[in-house]
C-alpha atoms as a PDB file:
ATOM      1  CA  MET A   1     106.041  90.342 128.898  1.00  0.00           C
ATOM      2  CA  LEU A   2     105.395  94.063 128.546  1.00  0.00           C
ATOM      3  CA  THR A   3     102.307  95.033 126.568  1.00  0.00           C
ATOM      4  CA  ASP A   4     101.760  98.391 124.869  1.00  0.00           C
ATOM      5  CA  ILE A   5      98.307  99.627 125.919  1.00  0.00           C
ATOM      6  CA  PHE A   6      96.246 102.686 125.071  1.00  0.00           C
ATOM      7  CA  ALA A   7      95.993 103.829 128.716  1.00  0.00           C
ATOM      8  CA  ASP A   8      99.770 104.113 129.062  1.00  0.00           C
ATOM      9  CA  ARG A   9     100.469 105.708 125.679  1.00  0.00           C
ATOM     10  CA  TYR A  10      97.895 108.452 126.278  1.00  0.00           C
ATOM     11  CA  ALA A  11      98.286 108.818 130.035  1.00  0.00           C
ATOM     12  CA  ASN A  12      99.332 112.476 129.669  1.00  0.00           C
ATOM     13  CA  LEU A  13      96.769 113.439 127.034  1.00  0.00           C
ATOM     14  CA  PRO A  14      93.378 114.180 128.682  1.00  0.00           C
ATOM     15  CA  LEU A  15      90.502 112.944 126.527  1.00  0.00           C
ATOM     16  CA  TRP A  16      87.516 112.643 128.904  1.00  0.00           C
ATOM     17  CA  LYS A  17      86.447 115.144 131.529  1.00  0.00           C
ATOM     18  CA  GLU A  18      83.268 113.312 132.527  1.00  0.00           C
ATOM     19  CA  PHE A  19      81.572 109.953 132.220  1.00  0.00           C
ATOM     20  CA  THR A  20      78.186 110.371 130.551  1.00  0.00           C
ATOM     21  CA  GLU A  21      75.523 108.316 128.830  1.00  0.00           C
ATOM     22  CA  THR A  22      77.649 108.564 125.659  1.00  0.00           C
ATOM     23  CA  GLU A  23      80.590 106.794 127.296  1.00  0.00           C
ATOM     24  CA  LEU A  24      78.327 104.087 128.709  1.00  0.00           C
ATOM     25  CA  ARG A  25      76.785 103.509 125.291  1.00  0.00           C
ATOM     26  CA  VAL A  26      80.143 103.385 123.468  1.00  0.00           C
ATOM     27  CA  LEU A  27      81.586 100.850 125.913  1.00  0.00           C
ATOM     28  CA  ASN A  28      78.545  98.609 125.483  1.00  0.00           C
ATOM     29  CA  GLN A  29      78.880  98.868 121.708  1.00  0.00           C
ATOM     30  CA  CYS A  30      82.594  98.077 121.894  1.00  0.00           C
ATOM     31  CA  ILE A  31      82.188  94.926 123.988  1.00  0.00           C
ATOM     32  CA  GLN A  32      79.474  93.742 121.595  1.00  0.00           C
ATOM     33  CA  LEU A  33      82.015  94.070 118.780  1.00  0.00           C
ATOM     34  CA  VAL A  34      84.494  91.999 120.790  1.00  0.00           C
ATOM     35  CA  GLU A  35      81.781  89.362 121.253  1.00  0.00           C
ATOM     36  CA  GLN A  36      81.285  89.498 117.490  1.00  0.00           C
ATOM     37  CA  ILE A  37      84.938  88.826 116.618  1.00  0.00           C
ATOM     38  CA  PHE A  38      85.274  86.204 119.384  1.00  0.00           C
ATOM     39  CA  PRO A  39      81.937  84.309 119.536  1.00  0.00           C
ATOM     40  CA  TYR A  40      82.088  82.575 122.910  1.00  0.00           C
ATOM     41  CA  TRP A  41      79.107  80.245 122.781  1.00  0.00           C
ATOM     42  CA  ILE A  42      78.718  78.131 119.634  1.00  0.00           C
ATOM     43  CA  GLN A  43      75.626  75.927 119.504  1.00  0.00           C
ATOM     44  CA  GLY A  44      75.429  76.102 123.279  1.00  0.00           C
ATOM     45  CA  HIS A  45      79.030  75.064 123.844  1.00  0.00           C
ATOM     46  CA  GLU A  46      81.969  77.119 125.073  1.00  0.00           C
ATOM     47  CA  SER A  47      84.416  77.832 122.244  1.00  0.00           C
ATOM     48  CA  PRO A  48      87.977  76.856 123.312  1.00  0.00           C
ATOM     49  CA  ILE A  49      89.432  79.298 120.769  1.00  0.00           C
ATOM     50  CA  ALA A  50      87.379  82.233 122.073  1.00  0.00           C
ATOM     51  CA  LYS A  51      88.096  81.235 125.678  1.00  0.00           C
ATOM     52  CA  ALA A  52      91.841  81.252 124.980  1.00  0.00           C
ATOM     53  CA  SER A  53      91.570  84.632 123.250  1.00  0.00           C
ATOM     54  CA  TYR A  54      89.607  86.256 126.080  1.00  0.00           C
ATOM     55  CA  THR A  55      92.008  84.778 128.634  1.00  0.00           C
ATOM     56  CA  SER A  56      95.061  86.094 126.788  1.00  0.00           C
ATOM     57  CA  VAL A  57      93.648  89.625 126.516  1.00  0.00           C
ATOM     58  CA  HIS A  58      92.430  89.581 130.135  1.00  0.00           C
ATOM     59  CA  ASP A  59      95.758  88.412 131.541  1.00  0.00           C
ATOM     60  CA  ARG A  60      97.850  90.838 129.497  1.00  0.00           C
ATOM     61  CA  LEU A  61      95.760  93.827 130.571  1.00  0.00           C
ATOM     62  CA  CYS A  62      95.737  92.655 134.203  1.00  0.00           C
ATOM     63  CA  ARG A  63      99.519  92.620 134.234  1.00  0.00           C
ATOM     64  CA  GLU A  64      99.767  96.155 132.848  1.00  0.00           C
ATOM     65  CA  LEU A  65      97.159  97.476 135.299  1.00  0.00           C
ATOM     66  CA  GLY A  66      98.643  95.564 138.236  1.00  0.00           C
ATOM     67  CA  LYS A  67      95.458  93.592 138.932  1.00  0.00           C
ATOM     68  CA  ASP A  68      94.707  89.944 139.619  1.00  0.00           C
ATOM     69  CA  SER A  69      91.408  90.108 137.757  1.00  0.00           C
ATOM     70  CA  LEU A  70      89.576  92.778 135.760  1.00  0.00           C
ATOM     71  CA  ALA A  71      86.304  92.047 137.570  1.00  0.00           C
ATOM     72  CA  GLN A  72      84.858  89.666 140.143  1.00  0.00           C
ATOM     73  CA  LYS A  73      86.009  86.170 139.255  1.00  0.00           C
ATOM     74  CA  TYR A  74      84.077  84.003 141.724  1.00  0.00           C
ATOM     75  CA  TYR A  75      80.430  83.823 142.768  1.00  0.00           C
ATOM     76  CA  SER A  76      78.818  82.457 145.921  1.00  0.00           C
ATOM     77  CA  TYR A  77      75.193  82.243 147.030  1.00  0.00           C
ATOM     78  CA  GLN A  78      73.143  80.334 149.587  1.00  0.00           C
ATOM     79  CA  THR A  79      70.063  78.208 149.076  1.00  0.00           C
ATOM     80  CA  MET A  80      68.055  75.886 151.316  1.00  0.00           C
ATOM     81  CA  HIS A  81      68.403  72.145 150.716  1.00  0.00           C
ATOM     82  CA  LEU A  82      66.422  69.668 152.828  1.00  0.00           C
ATOM     83  CA  GLY A  83      65.834  72.434 155.329  1.00  0.00           C
ATOM     84  CA  GLN A  84      69.529  73.213 155.620  1.00  0.00           C
ATOM     85  CA  PRO A  85      71.414  76.209 154.195  1.00  0.00           C
ATOM     86  CA  HIS A  86      73.627  75.233 151.276  1.00  0.00           C
ATOM     87  CA  THR A  87      76.388  77.394 149.798  1.00  0.00           C
ATOM     88  CA  THR A  88      77.071  77.223 146.082  1.00  0.00           C
ATOM     89  CA  THR A  89      80.326  78.623 144.725  1.00  0.00           C
ATOM     90  CA  GLY A  90      81.913  78.781 141.289  1.00  0.00           C
ATOM     91  CA  THR A  91      83.896  80.797 138.777  1.00  0.00           C
ATOM     92  CA  TRP A  92      82.384  83.096 136.169  1.00  0.00           C
ATOM     93  CA  THR A  93      83.311  82.417 132.561  1.00  0.00           C
ATOM     94  CA  ILE A  94      86.158  84.596 131.272  1.00  0.00           C
ATOM     95  CA  ASN A  95      83.944  86.391 128.746  1.00  0.00           C
ATOM     96  CA  LYS A  96      81.574  87.485 131.537  1.00  0.00           C
ATOM     97  CA  ILE A  97      84.487  88.705 133.662  1.00  0.00           C
ATOM     98  CA  CYS A  98      85.696  90.822 130.755  1.00  0.00           C
ATOM     99  CA  LYS A  99      82.218  92.147 129.960  1.00  0.00           C
ATOM    100  CA  ASP A 100      81.636  93.016 133.634  1.00  0.00           C
ATOM    101  CA  PHE A 101      84.867  95.022 133.555  1.00  0.00           C
ATOM    102  CA  ILE A 102      83.860  96.968 130.453  1.00  0.00           C
ATOM    103  CA  CYS A 103      80.294  97.606 131.589  1.00  0.00           C
ATOM    104  CA  MET A 104      80.779  98.154 135.337  1.00  0.00           C
ATOM    105  CA  PRO A 105      79.231 101.388 136.670  1.00  0.00           C
ATOM    106  CA  TYR A 106      81.605 104.320 136.887  1.00  0.00           C
ATOM    107  CA  LYS A 107      82.799 105.155 140.399  1.00  0.00           C
ATOM    108  CA  PRO A 108      84.544 108.416 141.318  1.00  0.00           C
ATOM    109  CA  ASP A 109      87.541 106.579 142.834  1.00  0.00           C
ATOM    110  CA  SER A 110      89.045 106.960 139.341  1.00  0.00           C
ATOM    111  CA  THR A 111      88.944 109.871 136.923  1.00  0.00           C
ATOM    112  CA  PRO A 112      86.626 109.519 133.923  1.00  0.00           C
ATOM    113  CA  ASP A 113      89.708 109.787 131.735  1.00  0.00           C
ATOM    114  CA  ARG A 114      91.529 106.857 133.350  1.00  0.00           C
ATOM    115  CA  PHE A 115      88.328 104.817 133.590  1.00  0.00           C
ATOM    116  CA  MET A 116      87.704 105.093 129.845  1.00  0.00           C
ATOM    117  CA  LYS A 117      91.330 104.577 128.848  1.00  0.00           C
ATOM    118  CA  GLU A 118      91.612 101.335 130.809  1.00  0.00           C
ATOM    119  CA  ARG A 119      88.497  99.943 129.179  1.00  0.00           C
ATOM    120  CA  LEU A 120      89.471 101.030 125.700  1.00  0.00           C
ATOM    121  CA  SER A 121      92.809  99.333 126.381  1.00  0.00           C
ATOM    122  CA  PHE A 122      90.894  96.052 126.630  1.00  0.00           C
ATOM    123  CA  ILE A 123      89.089  96.788 123.359  1.00  0.00           C
ATOM    124  CA  GLU A 124      92.408  97.652 121.715  1.00  0.00           C
ATOM    125  CA  LEU A 125      94.067  94.431 122.908  1.00  0.00           C
ATOM    126  CA  ALA A 126      91.094  92.323 121.810  1.00  0.00           C
ATOM    127  CA  PHE A 127      91.145  93.794 118.314  1.00  0.00           C
ATOM    128  CA  ARG A 128      94.953  93.500 118.209  1.00  0.00           C
ATOM    129  CA  HIS A 129      94.685  89.827 119.173  1.00  0.00           C
ATOM    130  CA  ARG A 130      92.204  89.178 116.375  1.00  0.00           C
ATOM    131  CA  ASP A 131      94.360  91.240 114.001  1.00  0.00           C
ATOM    132  CA  GLU A 132      97.300  88.950 114.762  1.00  0.00           C
ATOM    133  CA  GLN A 133      95.154  85.846 114.211  1.00  0.00           C
ATOM    134  CA  ILE A 134      93.990  87.154 110.824  1.00  0.00           C
ATOM    135  CA  ARG A 135      97.548  88.006 109.751  1.00  0.00           C
ATOM    136  CA  LEU A 136      98.753  84.518 110.709  1.00  0.00           C
ATOM    137  CA  MET A 137      95.842  82.945 108.879  1.00  0.00           C
ATOM    138  CA  ASN A 138      96.665  84.975 105.762  1.00  0.00           C
ATOM    139  CA  LEU A 139     100.322  83.942 105.924  1.00  0.00           C
ATOM    140  CA  ARG A 140      99.351  80.282 106.101  1.00  0.00           C
ATOM    141  CA  LEU A 141      96.783  80.453 103.314  1.00  0.00           C
ATOM    142  CA  GLU A 142      99.123  80.022 100.347  1.00  0.00           C
ATOM    143  CA  LYS A 143     100.733  76.910 101.826  1.00  0.00           C
ATOM    144  CA  GLU A 144      97.386  75.416 102.863  1.00  0.00           C
ATOM    145  CA  VAL A 145      95.919  76.010  99.391  1.00  0.00           C
ATOM    146  CA  ALA A 146      98.950  74.417  97.717  1.00  0.00           C
ATOM    147  CA  THR A 147      98.687  71.383 100.023  1.00  0.00           C
ATOM    148  CA  ALA A 148      94.953  71.020  99.364  1.00  0.00           C
ATOM    149  CA  GLU A 149      95.445  71.206  95.596  1.00  0.00           C
ATOM    150  CA  LEU A 150      98.253  68.631  95.722  1.00  0.00           C
ATOM    151  CA  LEU A 151      96.146  66.224  97.762  1.00  0.00           C
ATOM    152  CA  GLN A 152      93.179  66.638  95.439  1.00  0.00           C
ATOM    153  CA  SER A 153      95.405  66.056  92.401  1.00  0.00           C
ATOM    154  CA  GLN A 154      96.823  62.894  93.937  1.00  0.00           C
ATOM    155  CA  ARG A 155      93.343  61.660  94.884  1.00  0.00           C
ATOM    156  CA  SER A 156      92.042  62.280  91.362  1.00  0.00           C
ATOM    157  CA  THR A 157      94.993  60.376  89.890  1.00  0.00           C
ATOM    158  CA  VAL A 158      94.437  57.367  92.161  1.00  0.00           C
ATOM    159  CA  LEU A 159      90.679  57.227  91.677  1.00  0.00           C
ATOM    160  CA  GLY A 160      90.846  58.043  87.981  1.00  0.00           C
ATOM    161  CA  MET A 161      88.178  60.692  88.253  1.00  0.00           C
ATOM    162  CA  VAL A 162      87.740  64.339  89.153  1.00  0.00           C
ATOM    163  CA  VAL A 163      85.985  64.986  92.446  1.00  0.00           C
ATOM    164  CA  PRO A 164      83.578  67.948  92.131  1.00  0.00           C
ATOM    165  CA  GLY A 165      84.424  70.965  94.230  1.00  0.00           C
ATOM    166  CA  LYS A 166      87.873  72.020  95.338  1.00  0.00           C
ATOM    167  CA  ARG A 167      88.920  72.197  98.974  1.00  0.00           C
ATOM    168  CA  SER A 168      91.384  74.941  98.042  1.00  0.00           C
ATOM    169  CA  ASP A 169      88.470  77.122  96.883  1.00  0.00           C
ATOM    170  CA  GLY A 170      86.767  76.478 100.212  1.00  0.00           C
ATOM    171  CA  LEU A 171      89.882  77.560 102.103  1.00  0.00           C
ATOM    172  CA  LYS A 172      90.060  80.773 100.082  1.00  0.00           C
ATOM    173  CA  ALA A 173      86.381  81.493 100.680  1.00  0.00           C
ATOM    174  CA  ILE A 174      86.716  80.962 104.442  1.00  0.00           C
ATOM    175  CA  ASN A 175      89.803  83.185 104.538  1.00  0.00           C
ATOM    176  CA  GLN A 176      88.044  85.941 102.615  1.00  0.00           C
ATOM    177  CA  SER A 177      84.994  85.691 104.874  1.00  0.00           C
ATOM    178  CA  GLU A 178      87.130  85.968 108.036  1.00  0.00           C
ATOM    179  CA  ASN A 179      88.989  88.988 106.653  1.00  0.00           C
ATOM    180  CA  ILE A 180      85.801  90.766 105.611  1.00  0.00           C
ATOM    181  CA  ALA A 181      84.100  90.085 108.962  1.00  0.00           C
ATOM    182  CA  PHE A 182      87.023  91.506 110.909  1.00  0.00           C
ATOM    183  CA  GLN A 183      87.365  94.548 108.669  1.00  0.00           C
ATOM    184  CA  ASP A 184      83.640  95.200 109.106  1.00  0.00           C
ATOM    185  CA  ALA A 185      84.164  95.138 112.887  1.00  0.00           C
ATOM    186  CA  VAL A 186      87.104  97.552 112.585  1.00  0.00           C
ATOM    187  CA  ASN A 187      85.060  99.899 110.407  1.00  0.00           C
ATOM    188  CA  GLU A 188      82.194  99.836 112.881  1.00  0.00           C
ATOM    189  CA  LEU A 189      84.521 100.479 115.820  1.00  0.00           C
ATOM    190  CA  ASN A 190      85.930 103.559 114.103  1.00  0.00           C
ATOM    191  CA  GLU A 191      82.460 104.705 113.132  1.00  0.00           C
ATOM    192  CA  ARG A 192      81.359 104.390 116.788  1.00  0.00           C
ATOM    193  CA  PHE A 193      84.292 106.580 117.807  1.00  0.00           C
ATOM    194  CA  LEU A 194      83.359 109.103 115.126  1.00  0.00           C
ATOM    195  CA  ARG A 195      79.698 109.265 116.135  1.00  0.00           C
ATOM    196  CA  ALA A 196      80.682 109.762 119.771  1.00  0.00           C
ATOM    197  CA  SER A 197      83.009 112.616 118.651  1.00  0.00           C
ATOM    198  CA  TYR A 198      86.051 110.763 119.996  1.00  0.00           C
ATOM    199  CA  PRO A 199      89.256 111.798 118.138  1.00  0.00           C
ATOM    200  CA  LEU A 200      90.315 108.128 117.922  1.00  0.00           C
ATOM    201  CA  ASN A 201      90.961 105.569 115.213  1.00  0.00           C
ATOM    202  CA  TYR A 202      91.854 101.878 115.378  1.00  0.00           C
ATOM    203  CA  HIS A 203      94.348 100.564 112.800  1.00  0.00           C
ATOM    204  CA  ASN A 204      96.715  97.592 112.661  1.00  0.00           C
ATOM    205  CA  GLY A 205      96.539  96.742 116.355  1.00  0.00           C
ATOM    206  CA  PHE A 206      96.427 100.188 117.965  1.00  0.00           C
ATOM    207  CA  ILE A 207      93.907 102.854 118.935  1.00  0.00           C
ATOM    208  CA  GLN A 208      95.492 106.227 118.285  1.00  0.00           C
ATOM    209  CA  ALA A 209      94.436 109.856 118.240  1.00  0.00           C
ATOM    210  CA  ALA A 210      92.970 110.869 114.894  1.00  0.00           C
ATOM    211  CA  THR A 211      93.235 114.136 113.009  1.00  0.00           C
ATOM    212  CA  ASP A 212      90.490 115.932 111.089  1.00  0.00           C
ATOM    213  CA  GLU A 213      87.955 113.792 109.233  1.00  0.00           C
ATOM    214  CA  LEU A 214      89.189 114.625 105.711  1.00  0.00           C
ATOM    215  CA  THR A 215      92.802 113.761 106.543  1.00  0.00           C
ATOM    216  CA  GLN A 216      91.622 110.581 108.215  1.00  0.00           C
ATOM    217  CA  LYS A 217      89.539 109.539 105.226  1.00  0.00           C
ATOM    218  CA  HIS A 218      91.875 110.434 102.358  1.00  0.00           C
ATOM    219  CA  ILE A 219      95.354 110.000 103.865  1.00  0.00           C
ATOM    220  CA  GLU A 220      95.494 108.036 107.112  1.00  0.00           C
ATOM    221  CA  ASN A 221      92.963 105.253 106.464  1.00  0.00           C
ATOM    222  CA  PRO A 222      94.414 104.353 103.028  1.00  0.00           C
ATOM    223  CA  PHE A 223      97.924 104.529 104.504  1.00  0.00           C
ATOM    224  CA  TRP A 224      97.178 102.086 107.353  1.00  0.00           C
ATOM    225  CA  SER A 225      95.444  99.735 104.954  1.00  0.00           C
ATOM    226  CA  LEU A 226      98.445  99.657 102.592  1.00  0.00           C
ATOM    227  CA  VAL A 227     101.079  99.056 105.292  1.00  0.00           C
ATOM    228  CA  ALA A 228      99.142  96.252 107.021  1.00  0.00           C
ATOM    229  CA  LYS A 229     101.121  93.571 105.143  1.00  0.00           C
ATOM    230  CA  PRO A 230     104.159  92.075 106.952  1.00  0.00           C
ATOM    231  CA  ILE A 231     106.649  93.519 104.459  1.00  0.00           C
ATOM    232  CA  TRP A 232     105.766  97.044 105.639  1.00  0.00           C
ATOM    233  CA  LYS A 233     105.987  96.289 109.393  1.00  0.00           C
ATOM    234  CA  ASN A 234     108.798  98.818 110.019  1.00  0.00           C
ATOM    235  CA  VAL A 235     106.899 101.516 108.132  1.00  0.00           C
ATOM    236  CA  ASP A 236     103.817 100.746 110.210  1.00  0.00           C
ATOM    237  CA  SER A 237     105.601 100.727 113.601  1.00  0.00           C
ATOM    238  CA  ASP A 238     107.635 103.905 112.960  1.00  0.00           C
ATOM    239  CA  MET A 239     104.576 105.840 111.836  1.00  0.00           C
ATOM    240  CA  LYS A 240     102.673 104.727 114.932  1.00  0.00           C
ATOM    241  CA  GLU A 241     105.601 105.950 117.021  1.00  0.00           C
ATOM    242  CA  ALA A 242     105.468 109.289 115.180  1.00  0.00           C
ATOM    243  CA  LEU A 243     101.793 109.702 116.079  1.00  0.00           C
ATOM    244  CA  ASP A 244     102.355 108.705 119.696  1.00  0.00           C
ATOM    245  CA  GLN A 245     105.221 111.174 120.040  1.00  0.00           C
ATOM    246  CA  ARG A 246     103.145 113.940 118.490  1.00  0.00           C
ATOM    247  CA  ASP A 247     100.074 113.270 120.635  1.00  0.00           C
ATOM    248  CA  ALA A 248     102.124 113.038 123.855  1.00  0.00           C
ATOM    249  CA  ASN A 249     104.182 116.140 123.010  1.00  0.00           C
ATOM    250  CA  GLY A 250     107.186 113.843 122.792  1.00  0.00           C
ATOM    251  CA  ARG A 251     110.472 114.402 121.021  1.00  0.00           C
ATOM    252  CA  ASP A 252     110.935 114.415 117.259  1.00  0.00           C
ATOM    253  CA  PRO A 253     107.721 112.897 115.828  1.00  0.00           C
ATOM    254  CA  ALA A 254     108.830 114.066 112.371  1.00  0.00           C
ATOM    255  CA  PHE A 255     112.002 111.965 112.661  1.00  0.00           C
ATOM    256  CA  PHE A 256     109.997 108.760 113.107  1.00  0.00           C
ATOM    257  CA  ALA A 257     107.671 109.696 110.234  1.00  0.00           C
ATOM    258  CA  ALA A 258     110.693 110.299 107.989  1.00  0.00           C
ATOM    259  CA  ARG A 259     112.185 106.996 109.103  1.00  0.00           C
ATOM    260  CA  ALA A 260     108.960 105.262 108.053  1.00  0.00           C
ATOM    261  CA  LEU A 261     109.171 106.943 104.653  1.00  0.00           C
ATOM    262  CA  GLU A 262     112.839 105.947 104.275  1.00  0.00           C
ATOM    263  CA  SER A 263     111.964 102.325 105.077  1.00  0.00           C
ATOM    264  CA  ALA A 264     109.267 102.355 102.396  1.00  0.00           C
ATOM    265  CA  ILE A 265     111.721 103.739  99.814  1.00  0.00           C
ATOM    266  CA  LYS A 266     114.310 101.080 100.699  1.00  0.00           C
ATOM    267  CA  ILE A 267     111.741  98.273 100.533  1.00  0.00           C
ATOM    268  CA  ILE A 268     110.564  99.395  97.094  1.00  0.00           C
ATOM    269  CA  SER A 269     114.170  99.606  95.879  1.00  0.00           C
ATOM    270  CA  ASP A 270     114.812  96.084  97.178  1.00  0.00           C
ATOM    271  CA  GLN A 271     111.578  94.647  95.758  1.00  0.00           C
ATOM    272  CA  LYS A 272     112.325  96.131  92.336  1.00  0.00           C
ATOM    273  CA  CYS A 273     115.893  94.719  92.464  1.00  0.00           C
ATOM    274  CA  TRP A 274     117.351  98.217  92.112  1.00  0.00           C
ATOM    275  CA  THR A 275     119.435  98.114  95.321  1.00  0.00           C
ATOM    276  CA  HIS A 276     123.104  97.677  94.368  1.00  0.00           C
ATOM    277  CA  GLY A 277     124.740  97.611  97.807  1.00  0.00           C
ATOM    278  CA  LYS A 278     126.680 100.861  97.538  1.00  0.00           C
ATOM    279  CA  GLU A 279     123.933 103.079  98.967  1.00  0.00           C
ATOM    280  CA  ARG A 280     125.005 105.235 101.912  1.00  0.00           C
ATOM    281  CA  GLY A 281     121.737 106.872 102.824  1.00  0.00           C
ATOM    282  CA  ALA A 282     118.216 107.857 101.828  1.00  0.00           C
ATOM    283  CA  HIS A 283     119.387 110.024  98.925  1.00  0.00           C
ATOM    284  CA  ASN A 284     121.023 107.059  97.191  1.00  0.00           C
ATOM    285  CA  TYR A 285     117.856 104.970  97.512  1.00  0.00           C
ATOM    286  CA  ILE A 286     115.823 107.868  96.128  1.00  0.00           C
ATOM    287  CA  ASP A 287     118.221 107.916  93.152  1.00  0.00           C
ATOM    288  CA  ASN A 288     117.435 104.222  92.608  1.00  0.00           C
ATOM    289  CA  LEU A 289     113.754 105.105  92.253  1.00  0.00           C
ATOM    290  CA  SER A 290     114.443 107.966  89.833  1.00  0.00           C
ATOM    291  CA  SER A 291     117.135 106.312  87.700  1.00  0.00           C
ATOM    292  CA  GLU A 292     116.423 106.383  83.959  1.00  0.00           C
ATOM    293  CA  LYS A 293     117.852 102.868  83.790  1.00  0.00           C
ATOM    294  CA  ASN A 294     115.183 101.644  86.211  1.00  0.00           C
ATOM    295  CA  GLY A 295     112.098 103.178  84.705  1.00  0.00           C
ATOM    296  CA  PRO A 296     112.048 105.728  86.207  1.00  0.00           C
ATOM    297  CA  PHE A 297     109.732 104.983  89.131  1.00  0.00           C
ATOM    298  CA  ILE A 298     109.503 108.647  90.172  1.00  0.00           C
ATOM    299  CA  THR A 299     110.097 111.839  88.169  1.00  0.00           C
ATOM    300  CA  SER A 300     112.959 114.281  88.658  1.00  0.00           C
ATOM    301  CA  TRP A 301     110.822 116.815  90.516  1.00  0.00           C
ATOM    302  CA  GLU A 302     109.586 114.089  92.871  1.00  0.00           C
ATOM    303  CA  ARG A 303     113.195 113.002  93.439  1.00  0.00           C
ATOM    304  CA  ASP A 304     114.174 116.577  94.318  1.00  0.00           C
ATOM    305  CA  ALA A 305     111.166 117.017  96.641  1.00  0.00           C
ATOM    306  CA  LEU A 306     111.967 113.798  98.517  1.00  0.00           C
ATOM    307  CA  LYS A 307     115.636 114.687  98.888  1.00  0.00           C
ATOM    308  CA  SER A 308     114.726 118.154 100.120  1.00  0.00           C
ATOM    309  CA  PHE A 309     112.447 116.647 102.793  1.00  0.00           C
ATOM    310  CA  PHE A 310     115.216 114.409 104.108  1.00  0.00           C
ATOM    311  CA  THR A 311     117.780 117.225 103.993  1.00  0.00           C
ATOM    312  CA  GLU A 312     115.618 119.840 105.713  1.00  0.00           C
ATOM    313  CA  ILE A 313     113.450 117.740 108.031  1.00  0.00           C
ATOM    314  CA  ARG A 314     114.935 114.312 108.726  1.00  0.00           C
ATOM    315  CA  ASN A 315     118.689 115.015 108.834  1.00  0.00           C
ATOM    316  CA  PRO A 316     118.617 117.825 111.451  1.00  0.00           C
ATOM    317  CA  PHE A 317     116.753 115.494 113.829  1.00  0.00           C
ATOM    318  CA  GLY A 318     118.816 112.436 112.987  1.00  0.00           C
ATOM    319  CA  HIS A 319     122.157 113.916 114.049  1.00  0.00           C
ATOM    320  CA  GLY A 320     123.424 115.515 117.242  1.00  0.00           C
ATOM    321  CA  ALA A 321     123.065 119.302 117.362  1.00  0.00           C
ATOM    322  CA  GLY A 322     126.455 119.823 118.993  1.00  0.00           C
ATOM    323  CA  SER A 323     126.744 123.288 120.509  1.00  0.00           C
ATOM    324  CA  LYS A 324     123.831 124.619 118.440  1.00  0.00           C
ATOM    325  CA  ASP A 325     120.222 124.750 119.590  1.00  0.00           C
ATOM    326  CA  ARG A 326     118.352 121.500 119.054  1.00  0.00           C
ATOM    327  CA  PRO A 327     115.919 121.840 116.114  1.00  0.00           C
ATOM    328  CA  GLU A 328     112.231 122.032 117.000  1.00  0.00           C
ATOM    329  CA  LEU A 329     109.037 121.840 114.974  1.00  0.00           C
ATOM    330  CA  THR A 330     105.737 123.366 115.981  1.00  0.00           C
ATOM    331  CA  PRO A 331     102.806 120.977 116.509  1.00  0.00           C
ATOM    332  CA  GLN A 332     101.390 122.123 113.176  1.00  0.00           C
ATOM    333  CA  GLN A 333     104.699 121.461 111.416  1.00  0.00           C
ATOM    334  CA  SER A 334     104.969 118.028 113.020  1.00  0.00           C
ATOM    335  CA  SER A 335     101.486 117.102 111.804  1.00  0.00           C
ATOM    336  CA  TRP A 336     102.375 118.364 108.331  1.00  0.00           C
ATOM    337  CA  ALA A 337     105.546 116.236 108.304  1.00  0.00           C
ATOM    338  CA  ILE A 338     103.623 113.114 109.380  1.00  0.00           C
ATOM    339  CA  GLU A 339     100.860 113.645 106.835  1.00  0.00           C
ATOM    340  CA  THR A 340     103.441 114.356 104.114  1.00  0.00           C
ATOM    341  CA  CYS A 341     105.258 111.105 104.839  1.00  0.00           C
ATOM    342  CA  MET A 342     101.984 109.173 104.860  1.00  0.00           C
ATOM    343  CA  SER A 343     101.032 110.680 101.503  1.00  0.00           C
ATOM    344  CA  TRP A 344     104.416 109.841  99.997  1.00  0.00           C
ATOM    345  CA  VAL A 345     104.285 106.251 101.249  1.00  0.00           C
ATOM    346  CA  LYS A 346     100.724 105.837  99.953  1.00  0.00           C
ATOM    347  CA  SER A 347     101.687 107.225  96.556  1.00  0.00           C
ATOM    348  CA  LEU A 348     104.848 105.118  96.217  1.00  0.00           C
ATOM    349  CA  VAL A 349     103.290 101.847  97.368  1.00  0.00           C
ATOM    350  CA  LEU A 350     100.353 102.232  94.985  1.00  0.00           C
ATOM    351  CA  ARG A 351     102.825 102.447  92.077  1.00  0.00           C
ATOM    352  CA  MET A 352     104.298  99.023  92.733  1.00  0.00           C
END
């Protein structure tokens, strides 16, 4: 299975020219955060859940880097027993192997840039793995709460009394605690990047290049938070692709940003039951949002602004240029298009 890792996505974008005390400190802080979201030793015993998580992340990164192990897997040492030399061998625990990889001293057989990117790839995969666990837990919550309430109701009926305390409330409290703990870890990870002056931000499973601090705070962070729910998965993935294309000087980042915006508009139209089946493109879905019969959800000037964006920005990149020159945007224009789409999505989703 192919795994999307930070080191490959940003292979052609130099981020580190040297490995300093700052890099050493950040890597130590990052692996401590991984240990926080995957506590390995619980009351002196190895956690099977954490062991499976570390193993999954380790093996996926090994495959992408073409390695058998991220760090030394086995140990061997000699002692004297009854006057005879005795060799003891064994295997390090998977969490130690991973920590040794993150914290190993830098050697000049690799560039500082590649060295850091490989290790941040592990951090990215670890946080992505926990992100996926949290999302699955959230999806299961409603069903688990309903089952718990049904069982408690049946038990109360049989016993003829009400048992104090509700298991469903306990499930909700545990879920909330797990979500808050992980979000705290994400916030700290991003704060560590900020304090180290790294132009990076983790969101929804990926570490990506960040823009200026104000844009990050007021546009990007709220955007990623809003599209974290499963219903917005296509919006999330297309916008990530837009950022990757922009940061790697790839083709048409604005097209992917516009596609994310179009997905959001279609989802809102569907969720509001305004989609009638005769739509032929983005303009028709925009009309659904601005229809007097439906609300309207957006005003006429917003409708015109959205249509203009798709006509002038998305459509030229979504169709073949034929014999004409292929349209191009400057890096500044591409960033503007991405930020504009993020702002529109944020504004529209918050109205639902």
